[in-house]
Amino acid sequence: MSEPSEHMEHASPACPHCAAAAEAATPEPAEMAAECRTAPEPPEAETEAAPHACCCRHKVRTPEEHKALLNRLSRIEGQIRGIRGMVEKDVYCADILVQVAAANSALNSFTRELLGQHIRTCVADDLRAGQDEKLDELLKLLPKLMK
């Protein structure tokens, strides 16, 4: 098991908003990231409708963490493709439902892993730094995960 990665919010070249700002050179990506971190959280409806409402919140992960998360998602994608194939072939409903349950279980497992990483790194680091608002963010997040 690898050491937990350092939690950091930063500008990312993979983020379209950050990349555009870097090309324009105003503001600098680091300044924009700081501005995004201090900006108020967008309204929930805006967040769901526009996933990049405050897109400068990025998580630095170790290569091992990154690979493990992507591998889990690839397996889940494969399960979903398999379910689609079963539906296309008119497979018996109960057999499809068993595969749906397996895919749901895999996605729940991914969620637990990511949530654990988030609490161990992002939340813990910010609380140690005196940023108590991260606890409020977690308390808002948990009901969404428990639907």
N, C-alpha and C. Protein backbone atom coordinates (compact mmCIF):
# COMPACT_ATOMS: atom_id res chain seq x y z
N MET A 1 0.85 -1.19 0.00
CA MET A 1 0.00 0.00 0.00
C MET A 1 0.89 1.24 0.00
N SER A 2 0.60 2.15 -0.84
CA SER A 2 1.43 3.35 -0.96
C SER A 2 1.05 4.37 0.09
N GLU A 3 1.98 5.28 0.32
CA GLU A 3 1.72 6.38 1.23
C GLU A 3 0.60 7.24 0.67
N PRO A 4 -0.26 7.81 1.55
CA PRO A 4 -1.29 8.70 1.03
C PRO A 4 -0.65 9.89 0.32
N SER A 5 -1.26 10.30 -0.77
CA SER A 5 -0.71 11.42 -1.52
C SER A 5 -1.05 12.74 -0.84
N GLU A 6 -0.26 13.73 -1.17
CA GLU A 6 -0.50 15.06 -0.64
C GLU A 6 -1.74 15.64 -1.29
N HIS A 7 -2.61 16.21 -0.47
CA HIS A 7 -3.82 16.85 -1.00
C HIS A 7 -3.43 18.24 -1.45
N MET A 8 -3.82 18.55 -2.68
CA MET A 8 -3.52 19.88 -3.17
C MET A 8 -4.53 20.22 -4.26
N GLU A 9 -5.03 21.42 -4.20
CA GLU A 9 -5.86 21.92 -5.28
C GLU A 9 -4.97 22.81 -6.12
N HIS A 10 -4.97 22.56 -7.43
CA HIS A 10 -4.08 23.31 -8.30
C HIS A 10 -4.66 23.39 -9.69
N ALA A 11 -4.06 24.23 -10.48
CA ALA A 11 -4.45 24.33 -11.88
C ALA A 11 -3.92 23.10 -12.60
N SER A 12 -4.71 22.56 -13.50
CA SER A 12 -4.32 21.36 -14.21
C SER A 12 -4.42 21.58 -15.71
N PRO A 13 -3.40 21.17 -16.47
CA PRO A 13 -3.49 21.30 -17.92
C PRO A 13 -4.58 20.41 -18.50
N ALA A 14 -5.01 19.38 -17.76
CA ALA A 14 -6.08 18.50 -18.24
C ALA A 14 -7.45 19.17 -18.12
N CYS A 15 -7.56 20.19 -17.30
CA CYS A 15 -8.82 20.89 -17.09
C CYS A 15 -8.97 21.95 -18.18
N PRO A 16 -10.05 21.93 -18.96
CA PRO A 16 -10.20 22.91 -20.05
C PRO A 16 -10.15 24.35 -19.55
N HIS A 17 -10.74 24.62 -18.39
CA HIS A 17 -10.75 25.98 -17.84
C HIS A 17 -9.32 26.42 -17.50
N CYS A 18 -8.58 25.53 -16.82
CA CYS A 18 -7.21 25.86 -16.43
C CYS A 18 -6.32 26.00 -17.66
N ALA A 19 -6.49 25.11 -18.65
CA ALA A 19 -5.67 25.17 -19.86
C ALA A 19 -5.92 26.46 -20.63
N ALA A 20 -7.18 26.87 -20.73
CA ALA A 20 -7.50 28.12 -21.43
C ALA A 20 -6.89 29.31 -20.71
N ALA A 21 -6.92 29.29 -19.40
CA ALA A 21 -6.34 30.39 -18.63
C ALA A 21 -4.83 30.42 -18.80
N ALA A 22 -4.21 29.24 -18.87
CA ALA A 22 -2.77 29.18 -19.04
C ALA A 22 -2.37 29.75 -20.40
N GLU A 23 -3.17 29.43 -21.43
CA GLU A 23 -2.87 29.96 -22.77
C GLU A 23 -3.04 31.47 -22.81
N ALA A 24 -4.06 31.98 -22.14
CA ALA A 24 -4.32 33.42 -22.14
C ALA A 24 -3.32 34.16 -21.28
N ALA A 25 -2.69 33.45 -20.37
CA ALA A 25 -1.68 33.99 -19.45
C ALA A 25 -2.24 35.01 -18.47
N THR A 26 -3.53 35.21 -18.45
CA THR A 26 -4.13 36.06 -17.43
C THR A 26 -5.46 35.48 -17.01
N PRO A 27 -5.67 35.18 -15.79
CA PRO A 27 -4.67 35.14 -14.73
C PRO A 27 -3.82 33.88 -14.83
N GLU A 28 -2.73 33.87 -14.08
CA GLU A 28 -1.88 32.70 -14.05
C GLU A 28 -2.67 31.54 -13.47
N PRO A 29 -2.40 30.29 -13.91
CA PRO A 29 -3.15 29.15 -13.38
C PRO A 29 -3.09 29.04 -11.86
N ALA A 30 -1.93 29.32 -11.26
CA ALA A 30 -1.83 29.24 -9.81
C ALA A 30 -2.72 30.28 -9.14
N GLU A 31 -2.76 31.49 -9.72
CA GLU A 31 -3.64 32.53 -9.17
C GLU A 31 -5.09 32.14 -9.33
N MET A 32 -5.43 31.56 -10.49
CA MET A 32 -6.80 31.15 -10.73
C MET A 32 -7.19 30.03 -9.76
N ALA A 33 -6.27 29.09 -9.51
CA ALA A 33 -6.57 28.01 -8.58
C ALA A 33 -6.83 28.57 -7.19
N ALA A 34 -6.01 29.54 -6.77
CA ALA A 34 -6.23 30.16 -5.47
C ALA A 34 -7.57 30.88 -5.43
N GLU A 35 -7.92 31.55 -6.54
CA GLU A 35 -9.20 32.25 -6.62
C GLU A 35 -10.35 31.25 -6.53
N CYS A 36 -10.22 30.11 -7.22
CA CYS A 36 -11.28 29.10 -7.19
C CYS A 36 -11.43 28.51 -5.79
N ARG A 37 -10.32 28.30 -5.10
CA ARG A 37 -10.40 27.72 -3.76
C ARG A 37 -11.11 28.66 -2.80
N THR A 38 -10.96 29.96 -3.01
CA THR A 38 -11.56 30.91 -2.09
C THR A 38 -12.93 31.36 -2.55
N ALA A 39 -13.31 31.01 -3.77
CA ALA A 39 -14.63 31.40 -4.28
C ALA A 39 -15.71 30.61 -3.57
N PRO A 40 -16.89 31.21 -3.38
CA PRO A 40 -17.97 30.46 -2.75
C PRO A 40 -18.37 29.28 -3.63
N GLU A 41 -18.85 28.22 -2.98
CA GLU A 41 -19.29 27.04 -3.72
C GLU A 41 -20.48 27.39 -4.59
N PRO A 42 -20.50 26.92 -5.85
CA PRO A 42 -21.62 27.24 -6.72
C PRO A 42 -22.89 26.57 -6.21
N PRO A 43 -24.06 27.14 -6.55
CA PRO A 43 -25.30 26.52 -6.13
C PRO A 43 -25.37 25.08 -6.65
N GLU A 44 -26.06 24.21 -5.89
CA GLU A 44 -26.09 22.79 -6.23
C GLU A 44 -26.61 22.54 -7.64
N ALA A 45 -27.66 23.23 -8.04
CA ALA A 45 -28.22 23.03 -9.38
C ALA A 45 -27.18 23.38 -10.44
N GLU A 46 -26.43 24.44 -10.20
CA GLU A 46 -25.40 24.85 -11.15
C GLU A 46 -24.30 23.81 -11.21
N THR A 47 -23.94 23.23 -10.06
CA THR A 47 -22.89 22.23 -10.01
C THR A 47 -23.27 21.00 -10.82
N GLU A 48 -24.51 20.54 -10.69
CA GLU A 48 -24.94 19.36 -11.42
C GLU A 48 -25.06 19.65 -12.91
N ALA A 49 -25.53 20.82 -13.26
CA ALA A 49 -25.72 21.17 -14.67
C ALA A 49 -24.40 21.48 -15.35
N ALA A 50 -23.48 22.09 -14.62
CA ALA A 50 -22.19 22.48 -15.19
C ALA A 50 -21.08 21.90 -14.33
N PRO A 51 -20.57 20.71 -14.68
CA PRO A 51 -19.58 20.07 -13.83
C PRO A 51 -18.29 20.87 -13.66
N HIS A 52 -18.03 21.85 -14.55
CA HIS A 52 -16.81 22.64 -14.41
C HIS A 52 -17.10 24.02 -13.82
N ALA A 53 -18.17 24.12 -13.00
CA ALA A 53 -18.53 25.41 -12.41
C ALA A 53 -17.35 25.98 -11.62
N CYS A 54 -16.63 25.15 -10.92
CA CYS A 54 -15.39 25.57 -10.25
C CYS A 54 -14.38 24.46 -10.51
N CYS A 55 -13.84 24.47 -11.69
CA CYS A 55 -13.08 23.31 -12.16
C CYS A 55 -11.62 23.30 -11.72
N CYS A 56 -11.20 24.23 -10.92
CA CYS A 56 -9.79 24.26 -10.54
C CYS A 56 -9.52 23.47 -9.27
N ARG A 57 -10.49 22.70 -8.85
CA ARG A 57 -10.27 21.84 -7.68
C ARG A 57 -9.79 20.50 -8.21
N HIS A 58 -8.51 20.24 -8.04
CA HIS A 58 -7.90 19.02 -8.53
C HIS A 58 -7.24 18.30 -7.38
N LYS A 59 -7.10 17.00 -7.50
CA LYS A 59 -6.47 16.18 -6.47
C LYS A 59 -5.21 15.58 -7.04
N VAL A 60 -4.10 15.79 -6.36
CA VAL A 60 -2.85 15.17 -6.77
C VAL A 60 -2.82 13.77 -6.17
N ARG A 61 -2.70 12.77 -7.03
CA ARG A 61 -2.64 11.38 -6.58
C ARG A 61 -1.30 10.79 -6.99
N THR A 62 -0.88 9.77 -6.25
CA THR A 62 0.31 9.05 -6.67
C THR A 62 -0.02 8.28 -7.94
N PRO A 63 0.97 7.91 -8.73
CA PRO A 63 0.70 7.10 -9.92
C PRO A 63 -0.02 5.79 -9.57
N GLU A 64 0.31 5.21 -8.42
CA GLU A 64 -0.34 3.96 -8.00
C GLU A 64 -1.82 4.18 -7.71
N GLU A 65 -2.14 5.27 -6.99
CA GLU A 65 -3.55 5.58 -6.69
C GLU A 65 -4.32 5.82 -7.98
N HIS A 66 -3.73 6.60 -8.86
CA HIS A 66 -4.36 6.94 -10.14
C HIS A 66 -4.65 5.67 -10.94
N LYS A 67 -3.65 4.81 -11.05
CA LYS A 67 -3.79 3.57 -11.82
C LYS A 67 -4.85 2.66 -11.20
N ALA A 68 -4.84 2.53 -9.87
CA ALA A 68 -5.81 1.65 -9.20
C ALA A 68 -7.24 2.13 -9.43
N LEU A 69 -7.46 3.44 -9.33
CA LEU A 69 -8.81 3.97 -9.56
C LEU A 69 -9.25 3.75 -11.01
N LEU A 70 -8.36 4.03 -11.94
CA LEU A 70 -8.70 3.84 -13.36
C LEU A 70 -8.93 2.37 -13.69
N ASN A 71 -8.16 1.47 -13.07
CA ASN A 71 -8.37 0.03 -13.30
C ASN A 71 -9.76 -0.40 -12.81
N ARG A 72 -10.15 0.09 -11.64
CA ARG A 72 -11.49 -0.23 -11.12
C ARG A 72 -12.56 0.26 -12.09
N LEU A 73 -12.40 1.49 -12.56
CA LEU A 73 -13.40 2.04 -13.48
C LEU A 73 -13.43 1.27 -14.80
N SER A 74 -12.28 0.82 -15.27
CA SER A 74 -12.25 0.02 -16.50
C SER A 74 -13.01 -1.29 -16.33
N ARG A 75 -12.84 -1.92 -15.17
CA ARG A 75 -13.58 -3.16 -14.91
C ARG A 75 -15.08 -2.90 -14.88
N ILE A 76 -15.47 -1.80 -14.25
CA ILE A 76 -16.90 -1.45 -14.18
C ILE A 76 -17.44 -1.17 -15.58
N GLU A 77 -16.67 -0.45 -16.38
CA GLU A 77 -17.09 -0.19 -17.77
C GLU A 77 -17.29 -1.50 -18.52
N GLY A 78 -16.38 -2.44 -18.31
CA GLY A 78 -16.52 -3.75 -18.95
C GLY A 78 -17.78 -4.47 -18.51
N GLN A 79 -18.09 -4.37 -17.21
CA GLN A 79 -19.32 -4.98 -16.72
C GLN A 79 -20.55 -4.35 -17.38
N ILE A 80 -20.55 -3.04 -17.50
CA ILE A 80 -21.69 -2.34 -18.11
C ILE A 80 -21.82 -2.73 -19.58
N ARG A 81 -20.70 -2.81 -20.29
CA ARG A 81 -20.75 -3.25 -21.69
C ARG A 81 -21.31 -4.67 -21.79
N GLY A 82 -20.92 -5.52 -20.83
CA GLY A 82 -21.44 -6.88 -20.81
C GLY A 82 -22.94 -6.91 -20.60
N ILE A 83 -23.43 -6.06 -19.71
CA ILE A 83 -24.87 -5.98 -19.45
C ILE A 83 -25.59 -5.52 -20.71
N ARG A 84 -25.03 -4.52 -21.36
CA ARG A 84 -25.64 -4.04 -22.61
C ARG A 84 -25.73 -5.17 -23.64
N GLY A 85 -24.65 -5.93 -23.74
CA GLY A 85 -24.65 -7.06 -24.66
C GLY A 85 -25.71 -8.09 -24.30
N MET A 86 -25.90 -8.31 -23.01
CA MET A 86 -26.94 -9.25 -22.58
C MET A 86 -28.32 -8.76 -22.99
N VAL A 87 -28.56 -7.46 -22.82
CA VAL A 87 -29.86 -6.89 -23.21
C VAL A 87 -30.04 -7.02 -24.72
N GLU A 88 -28.98 -6.71 -25.47
CA GLU A 88 -29.06 -6.80 -26.93
C GLU A 88 -29.37 -8.23 -27.39
N LYS A 89 -28.90 -9.23 -26.63
CA LYS A 89 -29.12 -10.64 -26.99
C LYS A 89 -30.38 -11.21 -26.34
N ASP A 90 -31.17 -10.34 -25.69
CA ASP A 90 -32.41 -10.77 -25.04
C ASP A 90 -32.19 -11.89 -24.02
N VAL A 91 -31.13 -11.75 -23.23
CA VAL A 91 -30.85 -12.72 -22.17
C VAL A 91 -31.94 -12.62 -21.10
N TYR A 92 -32.18 -13.72 -20.42
CA TYR A 92 -33.20 -13.81 -19.38
C TYR A 92 -32.98 -12.71 -18.32
N CYS A 93 -34.07 -12.06 -17.93
CA CYS A 93 -34.02 -10.89 -17.02
C CYS A 93 -33.24 -11.16 -15.74
N ALA A 94 -33.49 -12.29 -15.10
CA ALA A 94 -32.83 -12.59 -13.82
C ALA A 94 -31.31 -12.65 -14.00
N ASP A 95 -30.86 -13.20 -15.11
CA ASP A 95 -29.41 -13.27 -15.36
C ASP A 95 -28.81 -11.87 -15.54
N ILE A 96 -29.54 -11.01 -16.21
CA ILE A 96 -29.09 -9.62 -16.38
C ILE A 96 -29.05 -8.92 -15.02
N LEU A 97 -30.09 -9.13 -14.23
CA LEU A 97 -30.16 -8.47 -12.92
C LEU A 97 -29.01 -8.87 -12.01
N VAL A 98 -28.58 -10.12 -12.10
CA VAL A 98 -27.42 -10.56 -11.31
C VAL A 98 -26.18 -9.76 -11.71
N GLN A 99 -26.01 -9.54 -13.01
CA GLN A 99 -24.86 -8.76 -13.48
C GLN A 99 -24.98 -7.28 -13.11
N VAL A 100 -26.21 -6.76 -13.11
CA VAL A 100 -26.43 -5.38 -12.68
C VAL A 100 -26.05 -5.23 -11.20
N ALA A 101 -26.44 -6.22 -10.39
CA ALA A 101 -26.08 -6.18 -8.97
C ALA A 101 -24.56 -6.20 -8.79
N ALA A 102 -23.88 -7.00 -9.60
CA ALA A 102 -22.42 -7.06 -9.52
C ALA A 102 -21.79 -5.72 -9.90
N ALA A 103 -22.32 -5.09 -10.94
CA ALA A 103 -21.81 -3.78 -11.37
C ALA A 103 -22.08 -2.72 -10.30
N ASN A 104 -23.27 -2.76 -9.70
CA ASN A 104 -23.58 -1.83 -8.61
C ASN A 104 -22.63 -2.03 -7.45
N SER A 105 -22.35 -3.27 -7.11
CA SER A 105 -21.42 -3.57 -6.02
C SER A 105 -20.02 -3.03 -6.33
N ALA A 106 -19.58 -3.21 -7.56
CA ALA A 106 -18.26 -2.70 -7.95
C ALA A 106 -18.21 -1.18 -7.88
N LEU A 107 -19.28 -0.53 -8.31
CA LEU A 107 -19.32 0.94 -8.26
C LEU A 107 -19.36 1.42 -6.81
N ASN A 108 -20.11 0.72 -5.95
CA ASN A 108 -20.13 1.07 -4.53
C ASN A 108 -18.75 0.89 -3.90
N SER A 109 -18.05 -0.15 -4.30
CA SER A 109 -16.70 -0.38 -3.80
C SER A 109 -15.77 0.74 -4.24
N PHE A 110 -15.88 1.17 -5.48
CA PHE A 110 -15.10 2.30 -5.98
C PHE A 110 -15.40 3.56 -5.16
N THR A 111 -16.68 3.79 -4.90
CA THR A 111 -17.10 4.97 -4.12
C THR A 111 -16.49 4.93 -2.73
N ARG A 112 -16.54 3.76 -2.07
CA ARG A 112 -15.96 3.64 -0.72
C ARG A 112 -14.46 3.92 -0.74
N GLU A 113 -13.77 3.38 -1.73
CA GLU A 113 -12.32 3.59 -1.84
C GLU A 113 -12.00 5.07 -2.04
N LEU A 114 -12.70 5.71 -2.97
CA LEU A 114 -12.45 7.12 -3.25
C LEU A 114 -12.81 7.99 -2.05
N LEU A 115 -13.92 7.68 -1.39
CA LEU A 115 -14.31 8.44 -0.20
C LEU A 115 -13.26 8.27 0.90
N GLY A 116 -12.77 7.05 1.08
CA GLY A 116 -11.73 6.82 2.09
C GLY A 116 -10.48 7.64 1.79
N GLN A 117 -10.06 7.65 0.53
CA GLN A 117 -8.89 8.46 0.14
C GLN A 117 -9.16 9.93 0.40
N HIS A 118 -10.36 10.38 0.07
CA HIS A 118 -10.71 11.79 0.25
C HIS A 118 -10.64 12.17 1.72
N ILE A 119 -11.19 11.33 2.59
CA ILE A 119 -11.18 11.64 4.02
C ILE A 119 -9.75 11.60 4.56
N ARG A 120 -8.98 10.55 4.19
CA ARG A 120 -7.61 10.41 4.71
C ARG A 120 -6.68 11.52 4.23
N THR A 121 -6.93 12.08 3.06
CA THR A 121 -6.01 13.09 2.53
C THR A 121 -6.64 14.47 2.55
N CYS A 122 -7.56 14.72 1.66
CA CYS A 122 -8.12 16.07 1.50
C CYS A 122 -8.72 16.60 2.80
N VAL A 123 -9.63 15.84 3.37
CA VAL A 123 -10.34 16.32 4.57
C VAL A 123 -9.38 16.43 5.74
N ALA A 124 -8.61 15.37 6.00
CA ALA A 124 -7.70 15.37 7.15
C ALA A 124 -6.66 16.49 7.04
N ASP A 125 -6.07 16.65 5.86
CA ASP A 125 -5.05 17.70 5.68
C ASP A 125 -5.64 19.09 5.90
N ASP A 126 -6.83 19.33 5.35
CA ASP A 126 -7.44 20.65 5.49
C ASP A 126 -7.88 20.91 6.93
N LEU A 127 -8.37 19.89 7.62
CA LEU A 127 -8.74 20.09 9.03
C LEU A 127 -7.50 20.40 9.86
N ARG A 128 -6.40 19.68 9.60
CA ARG A 128 -5.15 19.97 10.33
C ARG A 128 -4.67 21.39 10.05
N ALA A 129 -4.97 21.90 8.85
CA ALA A 129 -4.57 23.26 8.47
C ALA A 129 -5.57 24.31 8.97
N GLY A 130 -6.59 23.86 9.72
CA GLY A 130 -7.56 24.80 10.28
C GLY A 130 -8.68 25.17 9.34
N GLN A 131 -8.84 24.45 8.25
CA GLN A 131 -9.90 24.75 7.28
C GLN A 131 -11.13 23.89 7.61
N ASP A 132 -11.87 24.34 8.61
CA ASP A 132 -13.02 23.58 9.10
C ASP A 132 -14.15 23.47 8.08
N GLU A 133 -14.16 24.34 7.07
CA GLU A 133 -15.23 24.27 6.06
C GLU A 133 -15.17 22.95 5.29
N LYS A 134 -14.05 22.26 5.29
CA LYS A 134 -13.94 20.97 4.61
C LYS A 134 -14.83 19.93 5.29
N LEU A 135 -15.02 20.07 6.60
CA LEU A 135 -15.92 19.17 7.31
C LEU A 135 -17.36 19.42 6.86
N ASP A 136 -17.73 20.68 6.70
CA ASP A 136 -19.07 21.00 6.19
C ASP A 136 -19.27 20.43 4.79
N GLU A 137 -18.24 20.53 3.96
CA GLU A 137 -18.32 19.97 2.60
C GLU A 137 -18.56 18.46 2.66
N LEU A 138 -17.85 17.78 3.56
CA LEU A 138 -18.02 16.33 3.71
C LEU A 138 -19.43 15.99 4.19
N LEU A 139 -19.94 16.78 5.13
CA LEU A 139 -21.29 16.53 5.65
C LEU A 139 -22.35 16.76 4.57
N LYS A 140 -22.10 17.65 3.62
CA LYS A 140 -23.03 17.83 2.49
C LYS A 140 -22.89 16.69 1.48
N LEU A 141 -21.69 16.16 1.36
CA LEU A 141 -21.43 15.10 0.39
C LEU A 141 -22.04 13.77 0.81
N LEU A 142 -21.96 13.43 2.08
CA LEU A 142 -22.40 12.11 2.54
C LEU A 142 -23.85 11.78 2.19
N PRO A 143 -24.81 12.68 2.40
CA PRO A 143 -26.19 12.34 2.01
C PRO A 143 -26.34 12.06 0.51
N LYS A 144 -25.55 12.73 -0.32
CA LYS A 144 -25.60 12.49 -1.76
C LYS A 144 -25.11 11.08 -2.09
N LEU A 145 -24.15 10.60 -1.31
CA LEU A 145 -23.60 9.27 -1.54
C LEU A 145 -24.51 8.17 -1.00
N MET A 146 -25.41 8.53 -0.11
CA MET A 146 -26.27 7.53 0.54
C MET A 146 -27.64 7.42 -0.09
N LYS A 147 -27.84 8.02 -1.26
CA LYS A 147 -29.15 7.96 -1.92
C LYS A 147 -29.43 6.57 -2.42
